[in-house]
């Protein structure tokens, strides 16, 4: 089933996947549904994350959709444990993901931007719980890895303004 979702959300015909994303976003909004459809969509969409990271040019709509569904998913937002697991999973993805931005290739990497947007959204929801974040040294690690890599670091700093602004 995940392959079907991947094909729908990461289709090479961007208009098609954009329309799918618009419909899911609309159905996820709490005002439209008495049930938490956003949680259903979150559980359906999140497993496509790895595929989206491998399809940089086609993933912008996917990440916009995923952030929108996260914002609407009240079931996930109520669970501190699930939010912490999500934050840890995103941190792991960020630490292993090799972005494509270089001084010679200034186009934004939608994968890194999407991961940073998702992590930011997750942290905001955790902050709303008024509990310690317990994210240790994440902010300085992100700054070092994404904006100011030390000599010998394997990747370039993020160079596109949209990506840099998300760090």
N, C-alpha and C. Protein backbone atom coordinates (compact mmCIF):
# COMPACT_ATOMS: atom_id res chain seq x y z
N UNK A 1 0.82 -1.19 0.00
CA UNK A 1 0.00 0.00 0.00
C UNK A 1 0.87 1.26 0.00
N UNK A 2 2.02 1.22 0.69
CA UNK A 2 2.88 2.40 0.75
C UNK A 2 3.35 2.81 -0.65
N UNK A 3 3.54 1.84 -1.53
CA UNK A 3 3.96 2.17 -2.89
C UNK A 3 2.88 2.95 -3.63
N UNK A 4 1.63 2.61 -3.39
CA UNK A 4 0.53 3.34 -4.01
C UNK A 4 0.50 4.78 -3.50
N UNK A 5 0.66 4.94 -2.19
CA UNK A 5 0.67 6.28 -1.61
C UNK A 5 1.85 7.09 -2.15
N UNK A 6 2.97 6.43 -2.28
CA UNK A 6 4.16 7.09 -2.84
C UNK A 6 3.89 7.56 -4.27
N UNK A 7 3.30 6.70 -5.06
CA UNK A 7 3.02 7.07 -6.46
C UNK A 7 2.05 8.24 -6.54
N UNK A 8 1.06 8.28 -5.65
CA UNK A 8 0.09 9.37 -5.67
C UNK A 8 0.69 10.69 -5.19
N UNK A 9 1.51 10.63 -4.14
CA UNK A 9 2.02 11.84 -3.51
C UNK A 9 3.29 12.38 -4.16
N UNK A 10 4.01 11.53 -4.87
CA UNK A 10 5.29 11.94 -5.47
C UNK A 10 5.28 11.74 -6.98
N UNK A 11 4.12 11.93 -7.56
CA UNK A 11 3.97 11.72 -8.99
C UNK A 11 4.77 12.75 -9.78
N UNK A 12 5.28 12.31 -10.92
CA UNK A 12 6.05 13.23 -11.77
C UNK A 12 5.18 14.32 -12.37
N UNK A 13 3.89 14.09 -12.44
CA UNK A 13 2.96 15.13 -12.87
C UNK A 13 2.58 15.89 -11.60
N UNK A 14 3.29 16.97 -11.35
CA UNK A 14 3.18 17.70 -10.09
C UNK A 14 1.76 18.18 -9.83
N UNK A 15 1.04 18.57 -10.87
CA UNK A 15 -0.34 19.02 -10.69
C UNK A 15 -1.21 17.93 -10.07
N UNK A 16 -0.95 16.69 -10.46
CA UNK A 16 -1.71 15.56 -9.94
C UNK A 16 -1.46 15.39 -8.44
N UNK A 17 -0.20 15.32 -8.06
CA UNK A 17 0.12 15.13 -6.64
C UNK A 17 -0.30 16.35 -5.82
N UNK A 18 -0.26 17.52 -6.43
CA UNK A 18 -0.69 18.74 -5.74
C UNK A 18 -2.19 18.68 -5.44
N UNK A 19 -2.97 18.19 -6.38
CA UNK A 19 -4.42 18.06 -6.15
C UNK A 19 -4.73 17.03 -5.07
N UNK A 20 -3.98 15.94 -5.07
CA UNK A 20 -4.15 14.93 -4.02
C UNK A 20 -3.87 15.57 -2.67
N UNK A 21 -2.77 16.32 -2.58
CA UNK A 21 -2.38 16.97 -1.33
C UNK A 21 -3.45 17.97 -0.88
N UNK A 22 -4.01 18.72 -1.80
CA UNK A 22 -5.06 19.69 -1.46
C UNK A 22 -6.28 18.99 -0.88
N UNK A 23 -6.67 17.86 -1.48
CA UNK A 23 -7.83 17.12 -0.99
C UNK A 23 -7.58 16.56 0.41
N UNK A 24 -6.40 16.01 0.63
CA UNK A 24 -6.07 15.46 1.95
C UNK A 24 -6.05 16.58 2.99
N UNK A 25 -5.46 17.71 2.63
CA UNK A 25 -5.42 18.85 3.55
C UNK A 25 -6.84 19.27 3.92
N UNK A 26 -7.70 19.36 2.94
CA UNK A 26 -9.08 19.76 3.18
C UNK A 26 -9.78 18.77 4.10
N UNK A 27 -9.61 17.48 3.87
CA UNK A 27 -10.27 16.46 4.68
C UNK A 27 -9.68 16.34 6.08
N UNK A 28 -8.47 16.86 6.28
CA UNK A 28 -7.80 16.76 7.58
C UNK A 28 -8.22 17.85 8.56
N UNK A 29 -8.84 18.88 8.07
CA UNK A 29 -9.17 20.02 8.93
C UNK A 29 -10.26 19.63 9.92
N UNK A 30 -10.06 19.93 11.20
CA UNK A 30 -11.01 19.52 12.25
C UNK A 30 -12.42 20.05 12.02
N UNK A 31 -12.57 21.23 11.47
CA UNK A 31 -13.90 21.80 11.28
C UNK A 31 -14.73 20.98 10.29
N UNK A 32 -14.07 20.25 9.41
CA UNK A 32 -14.79 19.50 8.38
C UNK A 32 -15.20 18.11 8.85
N UNK A 33 -14.58 17.61 9.91
CA UNK A 33 -14.81 16.23 10.32
C UNK A 33 -15.03 16.13 11.82
N UNK A 34 -15.92 15.24 12.21
CA UNK A 34 -16.11 15.02 13.63
C UNK A 34 -15.03 14.09 14.17
N UNK A 35 -14.45 13.28 13.32
CA UNK A 35 -13.36 12.38 13.72
C UNK A 35 -12.04 13.03 13.38
N UNK A 36 -10.99 12.52 13.99
CA UNK A 36 -9.66 13.06 13.74
C UNK A 36 -9.08 12.39 12.49
N UNK A 37 -9.56 12.85 11.33
CA UNK A 37 -9.07 12.30 10.07
C UNK A 37 -7.59 12.60 9.88
N UNK A 38 -7.12 13.70 10.47
CA UNK A 38 -5.72 14.06 10.33
C UNK A 38 -4.82 12.94 10.85
N UNK A 39 -5.22 12.30 11.93
CA UNK A 39 -4.39 11.21 12.48
C UNK A 39 -4.35 10.03 11.51
N UNK A 40 -5.48 9.73 10.91
CA UNK A 40 -5.50 8.68 9.89
C UNK A 40 -4.53 9.02 8.76
N UNK A 41 -4.60 10.25 8.28
CA UNK A 41 -3.71 10.66 7.18
C UNK A 41 -2.26 10.70 7.63
N UNK A 42 -1.99 11.12 8.87
CA UNK A 42 -0.61 11.12 9.36
C UNK A 42 -0.03 9.71 9.30
N UNK A 43 -0.78 8.74 9.80
CA UNK A 43 -0.30 7.34 9.80
C UNK A 43 -0.13 6.81 8.38
N UNK A 44 -0.88 7.35 7.46
CA UNK A 44 -0.78 6.93 6.06
C UNK A 44 0.39 7.62 5.36
N UNK A 45 0.59 8.89 5.64
CA UNK A 45 1.58 9.69 4.92
C UNK A 45 3.00 9.56 5.45
N UNK A 46 3.15 9.45 6.75
CA UNK A 46 4.51 9.47 7.32
C UNK A 46 5.40 8.34 6.79
N UNK A 47 4.87 7.14 6.56
CA UNK A 47 5.73 6.08 6.01
C UNK A 47 6.31 6.38 4.63
N UNK A 48 5.80 7.38 3.94
CA UNK A 48 6.31 7.75 2.62
C UNK A 48 7.54 8.66 2.74
N UNK A 49 7.90 9.05 3.97
CA UNK A 49 8.99 10.00 4.19
C UNK A 49 10.29 9.59 3.51
N UNK A 50 10.71 8.37 3.67
CA UNK A 50 11.98 7.92 3.06
C UNK A 50 11.95 8.07 1.54
N UNK A 51 10.84 7.70 0.94
CA UNK A 51 10.74 7.84 -0.52
C UNK A 51 10.78 9.31 -0.92
N UNK A 52 10.14 10.17 -0.15
CA UNK A 52 10.12 11.61 -0.46
C UNK A 52 11.53 12.19 -0.37
N UNK A 53 12.32 11.70 0.56
CA UNK A 53 13.70 12.19 0.69
C UNK A 53 14.55 11.80 -0.50
N UNK A 54 14.16 10.76 -1.20
CA UNK A 54 14.90 10.32 -2.38
C UNK A 54 14.41 10.97 -3.67
N UNK A 55 13.34 11.74 -3.58
CA UNK A 55 12.77 12.38 -4.78
C UNK A 55 12.70 13.88 -4.56
N UNK A 56 13.85 14.49 -4.42
CA UNK A 56 13.94 15.90 -4.04
C UNK A 56 13.03 16.81 -4.84
N UNK A 57 13.08 16.74 -6.14
CA UNK A 57 12.30 17.65 -6.97
C UNK A 57 10.80 17.46 -6.88
N UNK A 58 10.37 16.32 -6.41
CA UNK A 58 8.93 16.03 -6.36
C UNK A 58 8.36 16.07 -4.95
N UNK A 59 9.18 16.40 -3.96
CA UNK A 59 8.75 16.24 -2.57
C UNK A 59 8.21 17.49 -1.90
N UNK A 60 8.30 18.65 -2.53
CA UNK A 60 7.87 19.89 -1.87
C UNK A 60 6.40 19.82 -1.44
N UNK A 61 5.52 19.37 -2.30
CA UNK A 61 4.09 19.26 -1.95
C UNK A 61 3.87 18.26 -0.83
N UNK A 62 4.63 17.17 -0.86
CA UNK A 62 4.50 16.15 0.18
C UNK A 62 4.82 16.75 1.55
N UNK A 63 5.93 17.48 1.64
CA UNK A 63 6.32 18.03 2.94
C UNK A 63 5.35 19.12 3.40
N UNK A 64 4.85 19.92 2.49
CA UNK A 64 3.85 20.92 2.85
C UNK A 64 2.61 20.23 3.40
N UNK A 65 2.21 19.16 2.74
CA UNK A 65 1.06 18.38 3.20
C UNK A 65 1.32 17.78 4.57
N UNK A 66 2.48 17.18 4.77
CA UNK A 66 2.77 16.52 6.03
C UNK A 66 2.78 17.52 7.19
N UNK A 67 3.33 18.70 6.98
CA UNK A 67 3.33 19.73 8.02
C UNK A 67 1.89 20.16 8.32
N UNK A 68 1.07 20.30 7.30
CA UNK A 68 -0.33 20.67 7.48
C UNK A 68 -1.09 19.61 8.28
N UNK A 69 -0.85 18.35 7.96
CA UNK A 69 -1.52 17.26 8.67
C UNK A 69 -1.03 17.19 10.12
N UNK A 70 0.26 17.41 10.33
CA UNK A 70 0.79 17.44 11.70
C UNK A 70 0.09 18.53 12.52
N UNK A 71 -0.08 19.70 11.92
CA UNK A 71 -0.76 20.81 12.60
C UNK A 71 -2.19 20.47 12.97
N UNK A 72 -2.84 19.63 12.17
CA UNK A 72 -4.26 19.30 12.40
C UNK A 72 -4.46 18.02 13.20
N UNK A 73 -3.40 17.25 13.43
CA UNK A 73 -3.52 15.94 14.09
C UNK A 73 -3.56 16.08 15.61
N UNK A 74 -4.76 16.21 16.15
CA UNK A 74 -4.92 16.42 17.59
C UNK A 74 -4.61 15.15 18.38
N UNK A 75 -4.78 13.99 17.79
CA UNK A 75 -4.44 12.75 18.48
C UNK A 75 -2.94 12.69 18.72
N UNK A 76 -2.15 12.94 17.71
CA UNK A 76 -0.69 12.95 17.86
C UNK A 76 -0.26 14.06 18.81
N UNK A 77 -0.87 15.21 18.71
CA UNK A 77 -0.48 16.35 19.55
C UNK A 77 -0.72 16.10 21.03
N UNK A 78 -1.66 15.24 21.37
CA UNK A 78 -1.94 14.95 22.78
C UNK A 78 -0.95 13.97 23.39
N UNK A 79 -0.19 13.26 22.57
CA UNK A 79 0.70 12.22 23.07
C UNK A 79 2.15 12.70 23.12
N UNK A 80 2.60 13.03 24.32
CA UNK A 80 3.99 13.47 24.48
C UNK A 80 4.97 12.39 24.01
N UNK A 81 4.69 11.13 24.32
CA UNK A 81 5.59 10.04 23.92
C UNK A 81 5.69 9.94 22.40
N UNK A 82 4.55 10.02 21.72
CA UNK A 82 4.57 9.95 20.25
C UNK A 82 5.31 11.14 19.65
N UNK A 83 5.11 12.32 20.23
CA UNK A 83 5.81 13.50 19.74
C UNK A 83 7.32 13.38 19.93
N UNK A 84 7.73 12.85 21.07
CA UNK A 84 9.18 12.66 21.31
C UNK A 84 9.76 11.62 20.34
N UNK A 85 9.00 10.55 20.09
CA UNK A 85 9.46 9.56 19.12
C UNK A 85 9.58 10.19 17.74
N UNK A 86 8.63 11.02 17.37
CA UNK A 86 8.68 11.70 16.08
C UNK A 86 9.89 12.63 16.02
N UNK A 87 10.10 13.41 17.05
CA UNK A 87 11.26 14.32 17.07
C UNK A 87 12.55 13.53 16.93
N UNK A 88 12.67 12.44 17.66
CA UNK A 88 13.88 11.62 17.56
C UNK A 88 14.06 11.01 16.18
N UNK A 89 12.96 10.58 15.57
CA UNK A 89 13.04 10.02 14.22
C UNK A 89 13.49 11.09 13.22
N UNK A 90 12.96 12.30 13.36
CA UNK A 90 13.35 13.38 12.46
C UNK A 90 14.80 13.80 12.67
N UNK A 91 15.25 13.81 13.92
CA UNK A 91 16.65 14.14 14.21
C UNK A 91 17.56 13.09 13.58
N UNK A 92 17.17 11.83 13.67
CA UNK A 92 17.96 10.76 13.06
C UNK A 92 18.02 10.95 11.55
N UNK A 93 16.88 11.24 10.93
CA UNK A 93 16.85 11.47 9.47
C UNK A 93 17.74 12.65 9.11
N UNK A 94 17.66 13.73 9.89
CA UNK A 94 18.48 14.91 9.61
C UNK A 94 19.97 14.60 9.70
N UNK A 95 20.32 13.77 10.66
CA UNK A 95 21.75 13.48 10.84
C UNK A 95 22.31 12.57 9.76
N UNK A 96 21.46 11.83 9.09
CA UNK A 96 21.96 10.91 8.05
C UNK A 96 21.69 11.41 6.64
N UNK A 97 20.82 12.38 6.49
CA UNK A 97 20.43 12.87 5.17
C UNK A 97 21.56 13.70 4.56
N UNK A 98 21.90 13.42 3.32
CA UNK A 98 22.91 14.20 2.59
C UNK A 98 22.19 15.15 1.65
N UNK A 99 22.16 16.43 2.03
CA UNK A 99 21.46 17.40 1.20
C UNK A 99 22.23 17.67 -0.09
N UNK A 100 21.53 18.26 -1.05
CA UNK A 100 22.11 18.47 -2.38
C UNK A 100 22.59 19.90 -2.63
N UNK A 101 22.46 20.76 -1.66
CA UNK A 101 22.85 22.16 -1.86
C UNK A 101 24.37 22.32 -1.81
N UNK A 102 24.88 23.04 -2.78
CA UNK A 102 26.31 23.37 -2.83
C UNK A 102 26.43 24.80 -3.37
N UNK A 103 27.60 25.41 -3.21
CA UNK A 103 27.76 26.75 -3.77
C UNK A 103 27.54 26.80 -5.28
N UNK A 104 27.71 25.69 -5.96
CA UNK A 104 27.50 25.63 -7.41
C UNK A 104 26.08 25.24 -7.80
N UNK A 105 25.28 24.81 -6.82
CA UNK A 105 23.91 24.33 -7.07
C UNK A 105 23.01 24.95 -6.01
N UNK A 106 22.51 26.13 -6.28
CA UNK A 106 21.81 26.92 -5.27
C UNK A 106 20.34 26.57 -5.08
N UNK A 107 19.83 25.61 -5.83
CA UNK A 107 18.42 25.25 -5.69
C UNK A 107 18.17 24.63 -4.32
N UNK A 108 17.05 25.00 -3.70
CA UNK A 108 16.75 24.43 -2.38
C UNK A 108 16.59 22.92 -2.44
N UNK A 109 17.03 22.26 -1.41
CA UNK A 109 16.82 20.83 -1.25
C UNK A 109 15.51 20.67 -0.47
N UNK A 110 14.47 20.19 -1.14
CA UNK A 110 13.16 20.08 -0.49
C UNK A 110 13.15 19.06 0.64
N UNK A 111 14.02 18.08 0.57
CA UNK A 111 14.08 17.07 1.63
C UNK A 111 14.55 17.68 2.94
N UNK A 112 15.66 18.41 2.89
CA UNK A 112 16.18 19.00 4.12
C UNK A 112 15.22 20.06 4.64
N UNK A 113 14.64 20.84 3.73
CA UNK A 113 13.68 21.86 4.14
C UNK A 113 12.46 21.21 4.80
N UNK A 114 11.97 20.13 4.22
CA UNK A 114 10.82 19.43 4.78
C UNK A 114 11.11 18.84 6.15
N UNK A 115 12.28 18.22 6.30
CA UNK A 115 12.66 17.66 7.61
C UNK A 115 12.74 18.76 8.66
N UNK A 116 13.33 19.90 8.29
CA UNK A 116 13.45 21.01 9.25
C UNK A 116 12.08 21.58 9.60
N UNK A 117 11.17 21.68 8.62
CA UNK A 117 9.83 22.17 8.90
C UNK A 117 9.07 21.21 9.83
N UNK A 118 9.21 19.92 9.57
CA UNK A 118 8.55 18.93 10.42
C UNK A 118 9.10 18.96 11.84
N UNK A 119 10.41 19.07 11.96
CA UNK A 119 11.02 19.12 13.29
C UNK A 119 10.57 20.38 14.02
N UNK A 120 10.53 21.49 13.32
CA UNK A 120 10.07 22.74 13.92
C UNK A 120 8.63 22.63 14.40
N UNK A 121 7.77 22.05 13.58
CA UNK A 121 6.37 21.86 13.97
C UNK A 121 6.24 20.94 15.17
N UNK A 122 7.04 19.89 15.22
CA UNK A 122 7.01 18.95 16.34
C UNK A 122 7.46 19.63 17.62
N UNK A 123 8.53 20.42 17.53
CA UNK A 123 9.04 21.13 18.70
C UNK A 123 8.01 22.14 19.20
N UNK A 124 7.32 22.83 18.30
CA UNK A 124 6.29 23.79 18.72
C UNK A 124 5.17 23.09 19.49
N UNK A 125 4.77 21.91 19.01
CA UNK A 125 3.72 21.19 19.72
C UNK A 125 4.24 20.72 21.08
N UNK A 126 5.46 20.23 21.15
CA UNK A 126 6.04 19.83 22.43
C UNK A 126 6.09 21.02 23.39
N UNK A 127 6.46 22.18 22.88
CA UNK A 127 6.53 23.38 23.72
C UNK A 127 5.15 23.74 24.28
N UNK A 128 4.10 23.46 23.52
CA UNK A 128 2.75 23.78 23.99
C UNK A 128 2.34 22.91 25.18
N UNK A 129 3.05 21.82 25.40
CA UNK A 129 2.78 20.95 26.56
C UNK A 129 3.37 21.52 27.84
N UNK A 130 4.17 22.59 27.72
CA UNK A 130 4.83 23.21 28.88
C UNK A 130 5.66 22.20 29.67
N UNK A 131 6.43 21.42 28.94
CA UNK A 131 7.33 20.42 29.54
C UNK A 131 8.73 20.68 29.02
N UNK A 132 9.74 20.20 29.74
CA UNK A 132 11.10 20.36 29.22
C UNK A 132 11.24 19.67 27.87
N UNK A 133 11.91 20.33 26.93
CA UNK A 133 12.05 19.77 25.59
C UNK A 133 12.98 18.56 25.57
N UNK A 134 14.02 18.59 26.36
CA UNK A 134 15.02 17.50 26.43
C UNK A 134 15.56 17.17 25.04
N UNK A 135 15.96 18.18 24.33
CA UNK A 135 16.55 17.98 23.01
C UNK A 135 18.06 18.17 23.05
N UNK A 136 18.60 18.15 24.27
CA UNK A 136 20.05 18.23 24.51
C UNK A 136 20.69 19.35 23.72
N UNK A 137 21.67 19.00 22.93
CA UNK A 137 22.45 20.00 22.20
C UNK A 137 22.02 20.12 20.75
N UNK A 138 20.75 19.88 20.47
CA UNK A 138 20.27 19.91 19.09
C UNK A 138 20.49 21.25 18.39
N UNK A 139 20.12 22.39 18.99
CA UNK A 139 20.32 23.66 18.25
C UNK A 139 21.77 23.90 17.82
N UNK A 140 22.75 23.78 18.71
CA UNK A 140 24.12 24.00 18.21
C UNK A 140 24.58 22.95 17.19
N UNK A 141 24.10 21.72 17.36
CA UNK A 141 24.46 20.68 16.38
C UNK A 141 23.90 21.01 15.01
N UNK A 142 22.65 21.49 14.96
CA UNK A 142 22.05 21.87 13.68
C UNK A 142 22.80 23.04 13.05
N UNK A 143 23.12 24.03 13.87
CA UNK A 143 23.86 25.18 13.35
C UNK A 143 25.20 24.75 12.77
N UNK A 144 25.89 23.89 13.49
CA UNK A 144 27.20 23.44 13.01
C UNK A 144 27.06 22.59 11.75
N UNK A 145 26.15 21.65 11.75
CA UNK A 145 26.03 20.74 10.62
C UNK A 145 25.44 21.41 9.38
N UNK A 146 24.48 22.31 9.58
CA UNK A 146 23.74 22.87 8.44
C UNK A 146 24.28 24.21 7.94
N UNK A 147 24.80 25.02 8.85
CA UNK A 147 25.22 26.36 8.45
C UNK A 147 26.72 26.60 8.55
N UNK A 148 27.36 25.99 9.53
CA UNK A 148 28.78 26.24 9.76
C UNK A 148 29.54 24.93 9.97
N UNK A 149 29.56 24.06 8.95
CA UNK A 149 30.25 22.79 9.14
C UNK A 149 31.75 23.00 9.37
N UNK A 150 32.29 22.21 10.25
CA UNK A 150 33.72 22.31 10.53
C UNK A 150 34.51 21.69 9.39
N UNK A 151 35.77 22.03 9.35
CA UNK A 151 36.63 21.47 8.31
C UNK A 151 36.65 19.95 8.44
N UNK A 152 36.60 19.29 7.32
CA UNK A 152 36.55 17.83 7.33
C UNK A 152 35.14 17.27 7.38
N UNK A 153 34.14 18.15 7.55
CA UNK A 153 32.74 17.72 7.54
C UNK A 153 32.41 17.28 6.11
N UNK A 154 31.57 16.28 5.97
CA UNK A 154 31.33 15.67 4.67
C UNK A 154 30.42 16.46 3.74
N UNK A 155 29.70 17.45 4.23
CA UNK A 155 28.79 18.16 3.33
C UNK A 155 29.02 19.67 3.41
N UNK A 156 28.48 20.35 2.42
CA UNK A 156 28.54 21.81 2.38
C UNK A 156 27.49 22.38 3.33
N UNK A 157 27.65 23.63 3.71
CA UNK A 157 26.55 24.27 4.45
C UNK A 157 25.36 24.48 3.50
N UNK A 158 24.20 24.62 4.08
CA UNK A 158 23.04 24.96 3.26
C UNK A 158 23.27 26.34 2.67
N UNK A 159 22.96 26.48 1.38
CA UNK A 159 23.25 27.74 0.71
C UNK A 159 22.01 28.48 0.23
N UNK A 160 20.90 27.81 0.03
CA UNK A 160 19.71 28.52 -0.46
C UNK A 160 19.07 29.26 0.72
N UNK A 161 18.67 30.50 0.50
CA UNK A 161 18.05 31.27 1.60
C UNK A 161 16.85 30.57 2.25
N UNK A 162 15.95 29.93 1.48
CA UNK A 162 14.83 29.25 2.15
C UNK A 162 15.29 28.16 3.12
N UNK A 163 16.27 27.38 2.72
CA UNK A 163 16.76 26.32 3.59
C UNK A 163 17.48 26.89 4.80
N UNK A 164 18.33 27.87 4.59
CA UNK A 164 19.08 28.48 5.69
C UNK A 164 18.15 29.09 6.73
N UNK A 165 17.06 29.68 6.27
CA UNK A 165 16.15 30.34 7.21
C UNK A 165 15.44 29.33 8.11
N UNK A 166 15.35 28.08 7.71
CA UNK A 166 14.66 27.07 8.52
C UNK A 166 15.51 26.56 9.67
N UNK A 167 16.82 26.71 9.56
CA UNK A 167 17.70 26.23 10.63
C UNK A 167 17.53 27.16 11.81
